[in-house]
mmCIF file of all heavy atoms, coordinates in Angstrom:
data_MODEL
# 
_entry.id   MODEL 
# 
loop_
_atom_site.group_PDB 
_atom_site.id 
_atom_site.type_symbol 
_atom_site.label_atom_id 
_atom_site.label_alt_id 
_atom_site.label_comp_id 
_atom_site.label_asym_id 
_atom_site.label_entity_id 
_atom_site.label_seq_id 
_atom_site.pdbx_PDB_ins_code 
_atom_site.Cartn_x 
_atom_site.Cartn_y 
_atom_site.Cartn_z 
_atom_site.occupancy 
_atom_site.B_iso_or_equiv 
_atom_site.pdbx_formal_charge 
_atom_site.auth_seq_id 
_atom_site.auth_comp_id 
_atom_site.auth_asym_id 
_atom_site.auth_atom_id 
_atom_site.pdbx_PDB_model_num 
ATOM 1   N N   . SER A 1 1  ? 152.454 95.996  89.828  1.00 0.00 ? 1  SER A N   1 
ATOM 2   C CA  . SER A 1 1  ? 152.309 96.431  88.434  1.00 0.00 ? 1  SER A CA  1 
ATOM 3   C C   . SER A 1 1  ? 150.853 96.726  88.094  1.00 0.00 ? 1  SER A C   1 
ATOM 4   O O   . SER A 1 1  ? 150.561 97.421  87.117  1.00 0.00 ? 1  SER A O   1 
ATOM 5   C CB  . SER A 1 1  ? 152.861 95.364  87.487  1.00 0.00 ? 1  SER A CB  1 
ATOM 6   O OG  . SER A 1 1  ? 151.962 94.273  87.338  1.00 0.00 ? 1  SER A OG  1 
ATOM 7   N N   . ARG A 1 2  ? 149.916 96.200  88.893  1.00 0.00 ? 2  ARG A N   1 
ATOM 8   C CA  . ARG A 1 2  ? 148.491 96.416  88.636  1.00 0.00 ? 2  ARG A CA  1 
ATOM 9   C C   . ARG A 1 2  ? 147.975 97.719  89.249  1.00 0.00 ? 2  ARG A C   1 
ATOM 10  O O   . ARG A 1 2  ? 146.923 98.202  88.862  1.00 0.00 ? 2  ARG A O   1 
ATOM 11  C CB  . ARG A 1 2  ? 147.672 95.270  89.256  1.00 0.00 ? 2  ARG A CB  1 
ATOM 12  C CG  . ARG A 1 2  ? 148.188 93.894  88.937  1.00 0.00 ? 2  ARG A CG  1 
ATOM 13  C CD  . ARG A 1 2  ? 148.019 93.563  87.486  1.00 0.00 ? 2  ARG A CD  1 
ATOM 14  N NE  . ARG A 1 2  ? 148.695 92.321  87.145  1.00 0.00 ? 2  ARG A NE  1 
ATOM 15  C CZ  . ARG A 1 2  ? 148.759 91.825  85.921  1.00 0.00 ? 2  ARG A CZ  1 
ATOM 16  N NH1 . ARG A 1 2  ? 148.184 92.471  84.925  1.00 0.00 ? 2  ARG A NH1 1 
ATOM 17  N NH2 . ARG A 1 2  ? 149.392 90.699  85.672  1.00 0.00 ? 2  ARG A NH2 1 
ATOM 18  N N   . ILE A 1 3  ? 148.688 98.252  90.213  1.00 0.00 ? 3  ILE A N   1 
ATOM 19  C CA  . ILE A 1 3  ? 148.181 99.393  90.979  1.00 0.00 ? 3  ILE A CA  1 
ATOM 20  C C   . ILE A 1 3  ? 148.701 100.693 90.375  1.00 0.00 ? 3  ILE A C   1 
ATOM 21  O O   . ILE A 1 3  ? 149.903 100.951 90.355  1.00 0.00 ? 3  ILE A O   1 
ATOM 22  C CB  . ILE A 1 3  ? 148.594 99.275  92.458  1.00 0.00 ? 3  ILE A CB  1 
ATOM 23  C CG1 . ILE A 1 3  ? 148.017 97.987  93.058  1.00 0.00 ? 3  ILE A CG1 1 
ATOM 24  C CG2 . ILE A 1 3  ? 148.138 100.499 93.234  1.00 0.00 ? 3  ILE A CG2 1 
ATOM 25  C CD1 . ILE A 1 3  ? 148.497 97.692  94.441  1.00 0.00 ? 3  ILE A CD1 1 
ATOM 26  N N   . ARG A 1 4  ? 147.789 101.509 89.884  1.00 0.00 ? 4  ARG A N   1 
ATOM 27  C CA  . ARG A 1 4  ? 148.162 102.772 89.275  1.00 0.00 ? 4  ARG A CA  1 
ATOM 28  C C   . ARG A 1 4  ? 148.431 103.824 90.348  1.00 0.00 ? 4  ARG A C   1 
ATOM 29  O O   . ARG A 1 4  ? 147.745 103.880 91.376  1.00 0.00 ? 4  ARG A O   1 
ATOM 30  C CB  . ARG A 1 4  ? 147.054 103.269 88.350  1.00 0.00 ? 4  ARG A CB  1 
ATOM 31  C CG  . ARG A 1 4  ? 146.552 102.230 87.358  1.00 0.00 ? 4  ARG A CG  1 
ATOM 32  C CD  . ARG A 1 4  ? 147.610 101.743 86.403  1.00 0.00 ? 4  ARG A CD  1 
ATOM 33  N NE  . ARG A 1 4  ? 147.043 100.793 85.443  1.00 0.00 ? 4  ARG A NE  1 
ATOM 34  C CZ  . ARG A 1 4  ? 147.619 99.670  85.082  1.00 0.00 ? 4  ARG A CZ  1 
ATOM 35  N NH1 . ARG A 1 4  ? 148.788 99.329  85.598  1.00 0.00 ? 4  ARG A NH1 1 
ATOM 36  N NH2 . ARG A 1 4  ? 147.052 98.880  84.187  1.00 0.00 ? 4  ARG A NH2 1 
ATOM 37  N N   . ILE A 1 5  ? 149.415 104.654 90.069  1.00 0.00 ? 5  ILE A N   1 
ATOM 38  C CA  . ILE A 1 5  ? 149.816 105.675 91.036  1.00 0.00 ? 5  ILE A CA  1 
ATOM 39  C C   . ILE A 1 5  ? 149.115 106.989 90.717  1.00 0.00 ? 5  ILE A C   1 
ATOM 40  O O   . ILE A 1 5  ? 149.240 107.533 89.621  1.00 0.00 ? 5  ILE A O   1 
ATOM 41  C CB  . ILE A 1 5  ? 151.344 105.870 91.023  1.00 0.00 ? 5  ILE A CB  1 
ATOM 42  C CG1 . ILE A 1 5  ? 152.058 104.528 91.299  1.00 0.00 ? 5  ILE A CG1 1 
ATOM 43  C CG2 . ILE A 1 5  ? 151.745 106.917 92.049  1.00 0.00 ? 5  ILE A CG2 1 
ATOM 44  C CD1 . ILE A 1 5  ? 151.685 103.865 92.606  1.00 0.00 ? 5  ILE A CD1 1 
ATOM 45  N N   . ILE A 1 6  ? 148.357 107.483 91.689  1.00 0.00 ? 6  ILE A N   1 
ATOM 46  C CA  . ILE A 1 6  ? 147.682 108.770 91.570  1.00 0.00 ? 6  ILE A CA  1 
ATOM 47  C C   . ILE A 1 6  ? 148.392 109.785 92.457  1.00 0.00 ? 6  ILE A C   1 
ATOM 48  O O   . ILE A 1 6  ? 149.235 109.436 93.280  1.00 0.00 ? 6  ILE A O   1 
ATOM 49  C CB  . ILE A 1 6  ? 146.194 108.655 91.979  1.00 0.00 ? 6  ILE A CB  1 
ATOM 50  C CG1 . ILE A 1 6  ? 146.078 108.336 93.484  1.00 0.00 ? 6  ILE A CG1 1 
ATOM 51  C CG2 . ILE A 1 6  ? 145.477 107.593 91.147  1.00 0.00 ? 6  ILE A CG2 1 
ATOM 52  C CD1 . ILE A 1 6  ? 144.660 108.426 94.031  1.00 0.00 ? 6  ILE A CD1 1 
ATOM 53  N N   . SER A 1 7  ? 148.024 111.038 92.305  1.00 0.00 ? 7  SER A N   1 
ATOM 54  C CA  . SER A 1 7  ? 148.562 112.072 93.188  1.00 0.00 ? 7  SER A CA  1 
ATOM 55  C C   . SER A 1 7  ? 147.961 111.906 94.582  1.00 0.00 ? 7  SER A C   1 
ATOM 56  O O   . SER A 1 7  ? 146.753 111.711 94.734  1.00 0.00 ? 7  SER A O   1 
ATOM 57  C CB  . SER A 1 7  ? 148.219 113.458 92.634  1.00 0.00 ? 7  SER A CB  1 
ATOM 58  O OG  . SER A 1 7  ? 148.485 114.460 93.589  1.00 0.00 ? 7  SER A OG  1 
ATOM 59  N N   . SER A 1 8  ? 148.787 112.006 95.596  1.00 0.00 ? 8  SER A N   1 
ATOM 60  C CA  . SER A 1 8  ? 148.298 111.877 96.973  1.00 0.00 ? 8  SER A CA  1 
ATOM 61  C C   . SER A 1 8  ? 147.272 112.959 97.303  1.00 0.00 ? 8  SER A C   1 
ATOM 62  O O   . SER A 1 8  ? 146.449 112.790 98.199  1.00 0.00 ? 8  SER A O   1 
ATOM 63  C CB  . SER A 1 8  ? 149.471 111.941 97.958  1.00 0.00 ? 8  SER A CB  1 
ATOM 64  O OG  . SER A 1 8  ? 150.184 113.163 97.818  1.00 0.00 ? 8  SER A OG  1 
ATOM 65  N N   . GLU A 1 9  ? 147.303 114.062 96.551  1.00 0.00 ? 9  GLU A N   1 
ATOM 66  C CA  . GLU A 1 9  ? 146.334 115.133 96.780  1.00 0.00 ? 9  GLU A CA  1 
ATOM 67  C C   . GLU A 1 9  ? 144.901 114.671 96.476  1.00 0.00 ? 9  GLU A C   1 
ATOM 68  O O   . GLU A 1 9  ? 143.936 115.288 96.930  1.00 0.00 ? 9  GLU A O   1 
ATOM 69  C CB  . GLU A 1 9  ? 146.679 116.347 95.915  1.00 0.00 ? 9  GLU A CB  1 
ATOM 70  C CG  . GLU A 1 9  ? 148.000 117.009 96.286  1.00 0.00 ? 9  GLU A CG  1 
ATOM 71  C CD  . GLU A 1 9  ? 148.298 118.211 95.418  1.00 0.00 ? 9  GLU A CD  1 
ATOM 72  O OE1 . GLU A 1 9  ? 147.391 118.626 94.651  1.00 0.00 ? 9  GLU A OE1 1 
ATOM 73  O OE2 . GLU A 1 9  ? 149.412 118.748 95.504  1.00 0.00 ? 9  GLU A OE2 1 
ATOM 74  N N   . HIS A 1 10 ? 144.769 113.612 95.691  1.00 0.00 ? 10 HIS A N   1 
ATOM 75  C CA  . HIS A 1 10 ? 143.440 113.140 95.305  1.00 0.00 ? 10 HIS A CA  1 
ATOM 76  C C   . HIS A 1 10 ? 143.106 111.780 95.915  1.00 0.00 ? 10 HIS A C   1 
ATOM 77  O O   . HIS A 1 10 ? 142.158 111.120 95.480  1.00 0.00 ? 10 HIS A O   1 
ATOM 78  C CB  . HIS A 1 10 ? 143.346 113.067 93.786  1.00 0.00 ? 10 HIS A CB  1 
ATOM 79  C CG  . HIS A 1 10 ? 143.505 114.388 93.110  1.00 0.00 ? 10 HIS A CG  1 
ATOM 80  N ND1 . HIS A 1 10 ? 142.554 115.384 93.198  1.00 0.00 ? 10 HIS A ND1 1 
ATOM 81  C CD2 . HIS A 1 10 ? 144.525 114.888 92.357  1.00 0.00 ? 10 HIS A CD2 1 
ATOM 82  C CE1 . HIS A 1 10 ? 142.975 116.447 92.518  1.00 0.00 ? 10 HIS A CE1 1 
ATOM 83  N NE2 . HIS A 1 10 ? 144.160 116.170 92.002  1.00 0.00 ? 10 HIS A NE2 1 
ATOM 84  N N   . ALA A 1 11 ? 143.844 111.377 96.920  1.00 0.00 ? 11 ALA A N   1 
ATOM 85  C CA  . ALA A 1 11 ? 143.641 110.052 97.517  1.00 0.00 ? 11 ALA A CA  1 
ATOM 86  C C   . ALA A 1 11 ? 142.255 109.897 98.136  1.00 0.00 ? 11 ALA A C   1 
ATOM 87  O O   . ALA A 1 11 ? 141.710 108.787 98.179  1.00 0.00 ? 11 ALA A O   1 
ATOM 88  C CB  . ALA A 1 11 ? 144.710 109.774 98.568  1.00 0.00 ? 11 ALA A CB  1 
ATOM 89  N N   . ASP A 1 12 ? 141.684 110.991 98.602  1.00 0.00 ? 12 ASP A N   1 
ATOM 90  C CA  . ASP A 1 12 ? 140.371 110.923 99.251  1.00 0.00 ? 12 ASP A CA  1 
ATOM 91  C C   . ASP A 1 12 ? 139.229 111.280 98.302  1.00 0.00 ? 12 ASP A C   1 
ATOM 92  O O   . ASP A 1 12 ? 138.064 111.322 98.717  1.00 0.00 ? 12 ASP A O   1 
ATOM 93  C CB  . ASP A 1 12 ? 140.335 111.855 100.468 1.00 0.00 ? 12 ASP A CB  1 
ATOM 94  C CG  . ASP A 1 12 ? 141.301 111.417 101.557 1.00 0.00 ? 12 ASP A CG  1 
ATOM 95  O OD1 . ASP A 1 12 ? 141.511 110.199 101.706 1.00 0.00 ? 12 ASP A OD1 1 
ATOM 96  O OD2 . ASP A 1 12 ? 141.865 112.302 102.244 1.00 0.00 ? 12 ASP A OD2 1 
ATOM 97  N N   . ASP A 1 13 ? 139.540 111.520 97.044  1.00 0.00 ? 13 ASP A N   1 
ATOM 98  C CA  . ASP A 1 13 ? 138.497 111.894 96.089  1.00 0.00 ? 13 ASP A CA  1 
ATOM 99  C C   . ASP A 1 13 ? 137.646 110.692 95.709  1.00 0.00 ? 13 ASP A C   1 
ATOM 100 O O   . ASP A 1 13 ? 138.119 109.548 95.710  1.00 0.00 ? 13 ASP A O   1 
ATOM 101 C CB  . ASP A 1 13 ? 139.113 112.502 94.832  1.00 0.00 ? 13 ASP A CB  1 
ATOM 102 C CG  . ASP A 1 13 ? 139.649 113.904 95.070  1.00 0.00 ? 13 ASP A CG  1 
ATOM 103 O OD1 . ASP A 1 13 ? 139.671 114.324 96.242  1.00 0.00 ? 13 ASP A OD1 1 
ATOM 104 O OD2 . ASP A 1 13 ? 140.047 114.576 94.107  1.00 0.00 ? 13 ASP A OD2 1 
ATOM 105 N N   . ASP A 1 14 ? 136.401 110.952 95.355  1.00 0.00 ? 14 ASP A N   1 
ATOM 106 C CA  . ASP A 1 14 ? 135.494 109.870 95.001  1.00 0.00 ? 14 ASP A CA  1 
ATOM 107 C C   . ASP A 1 14 ? 135.545 109.574 93.503  1.00 0.00 ? 14 ASP A C   1 
ATOM 108 O O   . ASP A 1 14 ? 136.272 110.239 92.741  1.00 0.00 ? 14 ASP A O   1 
ATOM 109 C CB  . ASP A 1 14 ? 134.066 110.178 95.446  1.00 0.00 ? 14 ASP A CB  1 
ATOM 110 C CG  . ASP A 1 14 ? 133.507 111.457 94.812  1.00 0.00 ? 14 ASP A CG  1 
ATOM 111 O OD1 . ASP A 1 14 ? 134.128 111.988 93.856  1.00 0.00 ? 14 ASP A OD1 1 
ATOM 112 O OD2 . ASP A 1 14 ? 132.454 111.920 95.277  1.00 0.00 ? 14 ASP A OD2 1 
ATOM 113 N N   . VAL A 1 15 ? 134.764 108.596 93.091  1.00 0.00 ? 15 VAL A N   1 
ATOM 114 C CA  . VAL A 1 15 ? 134.749 108.172 91.693  1.00 0.00 ? 15 VAL A CA  1 
ATOM 115 C C   . VAL A 1 15 ? 134.372 109.324 90.777  1.00 0.00 ? 15 VAL A C   1 
ATOM 116 O O   . VAL A 1 15 ? 134.964 109.512 89.699  1.00 0.00 ? 15 VAL A O   1 
ATOM 117 C CB  . VAL A 1 15 ? 133.776 106.988 91.511  1.00 0.00 ? 15 VAL A CB  1 
ATOM 118 C CG1 . VAL A 1 15 ? 133.531 106.708 90.041  1.00 0.00 ? 15 VAL A CG1 1 
ATOM 119 C CG2 . VAL A 1 15 ? 134.329 105.735 92.195  1.00 0.00 ? 15 VAL A CG2 1 
ATOM 120 N N   . ALA A 1 16 ? 133.394 110.128 91.185  1.00 0.00 ? 16 ALA A N   1 
ATOM 121 C CA  . ALA A 1 16 ? 132.927 111.229 90.344  1.00 0.00 ? 16 ALA A CA  1 
ATOM 122 C C   . ALA A 1 16 ? 134.044 112.212 90.020  1.00 0.00 ? 16 ALA A C   1 
ATOM 123 O O   . ALA A 1 16 ? 134.098 112.770 88.912  1.00 0.00 ? 16 ALA A O   1 
ATOM 124 C CB  . ALA A 1 16 ? 131.767 111.949 91.031  1.00 0.00 ? 16 ALA A CB  1 
ATOM 125 N N   . ALA A 1 17 ? 134.948 112.431 90.969  1.00 0.00 ? 17 ALA A N   1 
ATOM 126 C CA  . ALA A 1 17 ? 136.040 113.380 90.742  1.00 0.00 ? 17 ALA A CA  1 
ATOM 127 C C   . ALA A 1 17 ? 137.010 112.869 89.690  1.00 0.00 ? 17 ALA A C   1 
ATOM 128 O O   . ALA A 1 17 ? 137.624 113.664 88.961  1.00 0.00 ? 17 ALA A O   1 
ATOM 129 C CB  . ALA A 1 17 ? 136.778 113.646 92.055  1.00 0.00 ? 17 ALA A CB  1 
ATOM 130 N N   . PHE A 1 18 ? 137.163 111.563 89.590  1.00 0.00 ? 18 PHE A N   1 
ATOM 131 C CA  . PHE A 1 18 ? 137.994 110.999 88.527  1.00 0.00 ? 18 PHE A CA  1 
ATOM 132 C C   . PHE A 1 18 ? 137.261 111.051 87.196  1.00 0.00 ? 18 PHE A C   1 
ATOM 133 O O   . PHE A 1 18 ? 137.846 111.370 86.156  1.00 0.00 ? 18 PHE A O   1 
ATOM 134 C CB  . PHE A 1 18 ? 138.392 109.561 88.873  1.00 0.00 ? 18 PHE A CB  1 
ATOM 135 C CG  . PHE A 1 18 ? 139.482 109.469 89.903  1.00 0.00 ? 18 PHE A CG  1 
ATOM 136 C CD1 . PHE A 1 18 ? 139.178 109.494 91.250  1.00 0.00 ? 18 PHE A CD1 1 
ATOM 137 C CD2 . PHE A 1 18 ? 140.808 109.385 89.525  1.00 0.00 ? 18 PHE A CD2 1 
ATOM 138 C CE1 . PHE A 1 18 ? 140.176 109.429 92.214  1.00 0.00 ? 18 PHE A CE1 1 
ATOM 139 C CE2 . PHE A 1 18 ? 141.821 109.320 90.466  1.00 0.00 ? 18 PHE A CE2 1 
ATOM 140 C CZ  . PHE A 1 18 ? 141.510 109.340 91.826  1.00 0.00 ? 18 PHE A CZ  1 
ATOM 141 N N   . ASP A 1 19 ? 135.971 110.758 87.230  1.00 0.00 ? 19 ASP A N   1 
ATOM 142 C CA  . ASP A 1 19 ? 135.216 110.712 85.984  1.00 0.00 ? 19 ASP A CA  1 
ATOM 143 C C   . ASP A 1 19 ? 135.042 112.092 85.345  1.00 0.00 ? 19 ASP A C   1 
ATOM 144 O O   . ASP A 1 19 ? 134.932 112.197 84.116  1.00 0.00 ? 19 ASP A O   1 
ATOM 145 C CB  . ASP A 1 19 ? 133.841 110.076 86.215  1.00 0.00 ? 19 ASP A CB  1 
ATOM 146 C CG  . ASP A 1 19 ? 133.937 108.589 86.523  1.00 0.00 ? 19 ASP A CG  1 
ATOM 147 O OD1 . ASP A 1 19 ? 135.040 108.020 86.359  1.00 0.00 ? 19 ASP A OD1 1 
ATOM 148 O OD2 . ASP A 1 19 ? 132.916 107.993 86.914  1.00 0.00 ? 19 ASP A OD2 1 
ATOM 149 N N   . ASN A 1 20 ? 135.032 113.140 86.154  1.00 0.00 ? 20 ASN A N   1 
ATOM 150 C CA  . ASN A 1 20 ? 134.922 114.480 85.553  1.00 0.00 ? 20 ASN A CA  1 
ATOM 151 C C   . ASN A 1 20 ? 136.292 115.102 85.295  1.00 0.00 ? 20 ASN A C   1 
ATOM 152 O O   . ASN A 1 20 ? 136.379 116.232 84.790  1.00 0.00 ? 20 ASN A O   1 
ATOM 153 C CB  . ASN A 1 20 ? 134.047 115.406 86.410  1.00 0.00 ? 20 ASN A CB  1 
ATOM 154 C CG  . ASN A 1 20 ? 134.663 115.730 87.765  1.00 0.00 ? 20 ASN A CG  1 
ATOM 155 O OD1 . ASN A 1 20 ? 135.881 115.771 87.940  1.00 0.00 ? 20 ASN A OD1 1 
ATOM 156 N ND2 . ASN A 1 20 ? 133.797 115.982 88.768  1.00 0.00 ? 20 ASN A ND2 1 
ATOM 157 N N   . GLY A 1 21 ? 137.348 114.364 85.632  1.00 0.00 ? 21 GLY A N   1 
ATOM 158 C CA  . GLY A 1 21 ? 138.697 114.803 85.315  1.00 0.00 ? 21 GLY A CA  1 
ATOM 159 C C   . GLY A 1 21 ? 139.421 115.521 86.428  1.00 0.00 ? 21 GLY A C   1 
ATOM 160 O O   . GLY A 1 21 ? 140.641 115.681 86.369  1.00 0.00 ? 21 GLY A O   1 
ATOM 161 N N   . THR A 1 22 ? 138.709 115.951 87.450  1.00 0.00 ? 22 THR A N   1 
ATOM 162 C CA  . THR A 1 22 ? 139.331 116.710 88.536  1.00 0.00 ? 22 THR A CA  1 
ATOM 163 C C   . THR A 1 22 ? 140.483 115.936 89.177  1.00 0.00 ? 22 THR A C   1 
ATOM 164 O O   . THR A 1 22 ? 141.556 116.493 89.449  1.00 0.00 ? 22 THR A O   1 
ATOM 165 C CB  . THR A 1 22 ? 138.289 117.058 89.614  1.00 0.00 ? 22 THR A CB  1 
ATOM 166 O OG1 . THR A 1 22 ? 137.211 117.769 89.025  1.00 0.00 ? 22 THR A OG1 1 
ATOM 167 C CG2 . THR A 1 22 ? 138.918 117.887 90.725  1.00 0.00 ? 22 THR A CG2 1 
ATOM 168 N N   . ALA A 1 23 ? 140.261 114.652 89.429  1.00 0.00 ? 23 ALA A N   1 
ATOM 169 C CA  . ALA A 1 23 ? 141.267 113.827 90.099  1.00 0.00 ? 23 ALA A CA  1 
ATOM 170 C C   . ALA A 1 23 ? 142.035 112.931 89.137  1.00 0.00 ? 23 ALA A C   1 
ATOM 171 O O   . ALA A 1 23 ? 142.947 112.217 89.568  1.00 0.00 ? 23 ALA A O   1 
ATOM 172 C CB  . ALA A 1 23 ? 140.589 112.969 91.170  1.00 0.00 ? 23 ALA A CB  1 
ATOM 173 N N   . ALA A 1 24 ? 141.679 112.953 87.858  1.00 0.00 ? 24 ALA A N   1 
ATOM 174 C CA  . ALA A 1 24 ? 142.333 112.065 86.879  1.00 0.00 ? 24 ALA A CA  1 
ATOM 175 C C   . ALA A 1 24 ? 143.673 112.649 86.465  1.00 0.00 ? 24 ALA A C   1 
ATOM 176 O O   . ALA A 1 24 ? 143.903 113.006 85.302  1.00 0.00 ? 24 ALA A O   1 
ATOM 177 C CB  . ALA A 1 24 ? 141.427 111.858 85.671  1.00 0.00 ? 24 ALA A CB  1 
ATOM 178 N N   . VAL A 1 25 ? 144.547 112.744 87.445  1.00 0.00 ? 25 VAL A N   1 
ATOM 179 C CA  . VAL A 1 25 ? 145.857 113.361 87.259  1.00 0.00 ? 25 VAL A CA  1 
ATOM 180 C C   . VAL A 1 25 ? 146.919 112.294 87.510  1.00 0.00 ? 25 VAL A C   1 
ATOM 181 O O   . VAL A 1 25 ? 147.132 111.865 88.640  1.00 0.00 ? 25 VAL A O   1 
ATOM 182 C CB  . VAL A 1 25 ? 146.049 114.541 88.231  1.00 0.00 ? 25 VAL A CB  1 
ATOM 183 C CG1 . VAL A 1 25 ? 147.427 115.163 88.047  1.00 0.00 ? 25 VAL A CG1 1 
ATOM 184 C CG2 . VAL A 1 25 ? 144.949 115.568 88.043  1.00 0.00 ? 25 VAL A CG2 1 
ATOM 185 N N   . GLY A 1 26 ? 147.560 111.854 86.447  1.00 0.00 ? 26 GLY A N   1 
ATOM 186 C CA  . GLY A 1 26 ? 148.579 110.833 86.578  1.00 0.00 ? 26 GLY A CA  1 
ATOM 187 C C   . GLY A 1 26 ? 149.924 111.327 86.108  1.00 0.00 ? 26 GLY A C   1 
ATOM 188 O O   . GLY A 1 26 ? 150.144 112.530 85.904  1.00 0.00 ? 26 GLY A O   1 
# 
C-alpha cells in the first residue's frame, strides 16, 4: 500500500524527470 505504481516506461528515469513532470505519470 506504500509503493506507488508508475508507468514502466519511466522506471529508469531520474528524480529530475519526475520533478519536471516528464515522468510524473500515474
